[in-house]
Amino acid sequence: METASKKPGKLAKNLGLVGIGLCALCCALPIIGIVGGAGILATLALYAEKIAIVLLIISAASFAIWQYKKRQAPPACSVDCDCKPENTEAKSVAQLKTK
């Protein structure tokens, strides 16, 4: 009669194979992550590129509308221009004080 120490049982063999399989999976995970991650990033980039093109067109149109409205608006007065009555009065008072 053989003892259990001389011939490993079926359970030990299965546990050994499971251990080897888990070890191989653990070592392969970085490679799987890189390959899978690159695929996922490529898929996301495809959709993000389409969204970015749409947003670029919208922003260019918004900028063009802003430029058009800016050119159509009358020129703004500076702080001390003569077109505002309160500025002309302030200038005349300032000139009287300096004389």
C-alpha atoms as a PDB file:
ATOM      1  CA  MET A   1       0.000   0.000   0.000  1.00  0.00           C
ATOM      2  CA  GLU A   2       1.311   3.368  -0.994  1.00  0.00           C
ATOM      3  CA  THR A   3       1.226   6.324   1.325  1.00  0.00           C
ATOM      4  CA  ALA A   4      -0.153   9.701   0.401  1.00  0.00           C
ATOM      5  CA  SER A   5       3.269  11.338   0.714  1.00  0.00           C
ATOM      6  CA  LYS A   6       4.751   9.237  -2.110  1.00  0.00           C
ATOM      7  CA  LYS A   7       2.040   9.916  -4.707  1.00  0.00           C
ATOM      8  CA  PRO A   8       0.310  13.285  -4.702  1.00  0.00           C
ATOM      9  CA  GLY A   9      -3.412  13.117  -4.981  1.00  0.00           C
ATOM     10  CA  LYS A  10      -5.667  14.515  -7.630  1.00  0.00           C
ATOM     11  CA  LEU A  11      -6.455  17.534  -5.415  1.00  0.00           C
ATOM     12  CA  ALA A  12      -2.808  18.550  -5.181  1.00  0.00           C
ATOM     13  CA  LYS A  13      -2.440  18.278  -8.950  1.00  0.00           C
ATOM     14  CA  ASN A  14      -5.512  20.441  -9.554  1.00  0.00           C
ATOM     15  CA  LEU A  15      -4.365  23.036  -7.008  1.00  0.00           C
ATOM     16  CA  GLY A  16      -0.973  23.154  -8.708  1.00  0.00           C
ATOM     17  CA  LEU A  17      -2.542  23.725 -12.102  1.00  0.00           C
ATOM     18  CA  VAL A  18      -4.830  26.430 -10.702  1.00  0.00           C
ATOM     19  CA  GLY A  19      -1.810  28.118  -9.098  1.00  0.00           C
ATOM     20  CA  ILE A  20       0.116  28.037 -12.375  1.00  0.00           C
ATOM     21  CA  GLY A  21      -2.898  29.428 -14.223  1.00  0.00           C
ATOM     22  CA  LEU A  22      -3.344  32.250 -11.709  1.00  0.00           C
ATOM     23  CA  CYS A  23       0.355  33.051 -11.887  1.00  0.00           C
ATOM     24  CA  ALA A  24       0.207  33.218 -15.695  1.00  0.00           C
ATOM     25  CA  LEU A  25      -2.868  35.438 -15.518  1.00  0.00           C
ATOM     26  CA  CYS A  26      -1.183  37.716 -13.008  1.00  0.00           C
ATOM     27  CA  CYS A  27       1.888  38.059 -15.221  1.00  0.00           C
ATOM     28  CA  ALA A  28      -0.251  38.630 -18.318  1.00  0.00           C
ATOM     29  CA  LEU A  29      -2.465  41.309 -16.757  1.00  0.00           C
ATOM     30  CA  PRO A  30      -0.127  44.234 -17.557  1.00  0.00           C
ATOM     31  CA  ILE A  31       0.021  43.139 -21.191  1.00  0.00           C
ATOM     32  CA  ILE A  32      -3.747  42.658 -21.322  1.00  0.00           C
ATOM     33  CA  GLY A  33      -4.216  46.062 -19.698  1.00  0.00           C
ATOM     34  CA  ILE A  34      -1.952  47.794 -22.196  1.00  0.00           C
ATOM     35  CA  VAL A  35      -3.580  46.156 -25.208  1.00  0.00           C
ATOM     36  CA  GLY A  36      -7.119  46.536 -23.866  1.00  0.00           C
ATOM     37  CA  GLY A  37      -6.434  50.030 -22.592  1.00  0.00           C
ATOM     38  CA  ALA A  38      -5.077  51.132 -25.954  1.00  0.00           C
ATOM     39  CA  GLY A  39      -8.166  49.766 -27.659  1.00  0.00           C
ATOM     40  CA  ILE A  40     -10.479  51.522 -25.247  1.00  0.00           C
ATOM     41  CA  LEU A  41      -8.529  54.777 -25.566  1.00  0.00           C
ATOM     42  CA  ALA A  42      -8.660  54.528 -29.356  1.00  0.00           C
ATOM     43  CA  THR A  43     -12.422  54.036 -29.238  1.00  0.00           C
ATOM     44  CA  LEU A  44     -12.878  56.973 -26.874  1.00  0.00           C
ATOM     45  CA  ALA A  45     -10.584  59.125 -29.005  1.00  0.00           C
ATOM     46  CA  LEU A  46     -12.716  58.405 -32.052  1.00  0.00           C
ATOM     47  CA  TYR A  47     -15.821  59.748 -30.346  1.00  0.00           C
ATOM     48  CA  ALA A  48     -13.946  62.593 -28.661  1.00  0.00           C
ATOM     49  CA  GLU A  49     -12.543  63.698 -32.011  1.00  0.00           C
ATOM     50  CA  LYS A  50     -16.025  63.959 -33.507  1.00  0.00           C
ATOM     51  CA  ILE A  51     -17.222  65.969 -30.517  1.00  0.00           C
ATOM     52  CA  ALA A  52     -14.137  68.187 -30.687  1.00  0.00           C
ATOM     53  CA  ILE A  53     -14.762  68.961 -34.364  1.00  0.00           C
ATOM     54  CA  VAL A  54     -18.343  69.991 -33.615  1.00  0.00           C
ATOM     55  CA  LEU A  55     -17.219  72.163 -30.685  1.00  0.00           C
ATOM     56  CA  LEU A  56     -14.513  73.747 -32.846  1.00  0.00           C
ATOM     57  CA  ILE A  57     -17.078  74.675 -35.488  1.00  0.00           C
ATOM     58  CA  ILE A  58     -19.408  76.119 -32.845  1.00  0.00           C
ATOM     59  CA  SER A  59     -16.615  78.148 -31.254  1.00  0.00           C
ATOM     60  CA  ALA A  60     -15.426  79.470 -34.642  1.00  0.00           C
ATOM     61  CA  ALA A  61     -18.986  80.505 -35.505  1.00  0.00           C
ATOM     62  CA  SER A  62     -19.409  82.188 -32.128  1.00  0.00           C
ATOM     63  CA  PHE A  63     -16.145  84.087 -32.610  1.00  0.00           C
ATOM     64  CA  ALA A  64     -17.201  85.193 -36.090  1.00  0.00           C
ATOM     65  CA  ILE A  65     -20.561  86.455 -34.781  1.00  0.00           C
ATOM     66  CA  TRP A  66     -18.795  88.314 -31.947  1.00  0.00           C
ATOM     67  CA  GLN A  67     -16.384  89.945 -34.404  1.00  0.00           C
ATOM     68  CA  TYR A  68     -19.269  90.958 -36.694  1.00  0.00           C
ATOM     69  CA  LYS A  69     -21.225  92.513 -33.832  1.00  0.00           C
ATOM     70  CA  LYS A  70     -18.107  94.257 -32.536  1.00  0.00           C
ATOM     71  CA  ARG A  71     -17.525  95.883 -35.930  1.00  0.00           C
ATOM     72  CA  GLN A  72     -21.180  96.911 -36.248  1.00  0.00           C
ATOM     73  CA  ALA A  73     -21.261  98.585 -32.823  1.00  0.00           C
ATOM     74  CA  PRO A  74     -20.509 102.312 -32.686  1.00  0.00           C
ATOM     75  CA  PRO A  75     -17.078 103.204 -31.345  1.00  0.00           C
ATOM     76  CA  ALA A  76     -16.944 103.486 -27.588  1.00  0.00           C
ATOM     77  CA  CYS A  77     -16.012 106.769 -25.971  1.00  0.00           C
ATOM     78  CA  SER A  78     -12.902 106.886 -23.896  1.00  0.00           C
ATOM     79  CA  VAL A  79     -13.121 108.111 -20.342  1.00  0.00           C
ATOM     80  CA  ASP A  80     -12.029 111.668 -21.059  1.00  0.00           C
ATOM     81  CA  CYS A  81     -13.426 112.293 -24.540  1.00  0.00           C
ATOM     82  CA  ASP A  82     -15.345 115.440 -25.481  1.00  0.00           C
ATOM     83  CA  CYS A  83     -18.464 113.659 -26.702  1.00  0.00           C
ATOM     84  CA  LYS A  84     -19.960 113.298 -23.219  1.00  0.00           C
ATOM     85  CA  PRO A  85     -21.350 116.492 -21.666  1.00  0.00           C
ATOM     86  CA  GLU A  86     -20.164 115.587 -18.176  1.00  0.00           C
ATOM     87  CA  ASN A  87     -16.598 115.236 -19.444  1.00  0.00           C
ATOM     88  CA  THR A  88     -16.632 118.637 -21.153  1.00  0.00           C
ATOM     89  CA  GLU A  89     -17.923 120.274 -17.956  1.00  0.00           C
ATOM     90  CA  ALA A  90     -15.267 118.540 -15.861  1.00  0.00           C
ATOM     91  CA  LYS A  91     -12.540 119.629 -18.262  1.00  0.00           C
ATOM     92  CA  SER A  92     -13.714 123.230 -18.202  1.00  0.00           C
ATOM     93  CA  VAL A  93     -13.798 123.257 -14.391  1.00  0.00           C
ATOM     94  CA  ALA A  94     -10.335 121.692 -14.276  1.00  0.00           C
ATOM     95  CA  GLN A  95      -9.022 124.285 -16.718  1.00  0.00           C
ATOM     96  CA  LEU A  96     -10.500 127.140 -14.660  1.00  0.00           C
ATOM     97  CA  LYS A  97      -8.847 125.812 -11.490  1.00  0.00           C
ATOM     98  CA  THR A  98      -5.424 125.629 -13.123  1.00  0.00           C
ATOM     99  CA  LYS A  99      -5.609 129.220 -14.438  1.00  0.00           C
END
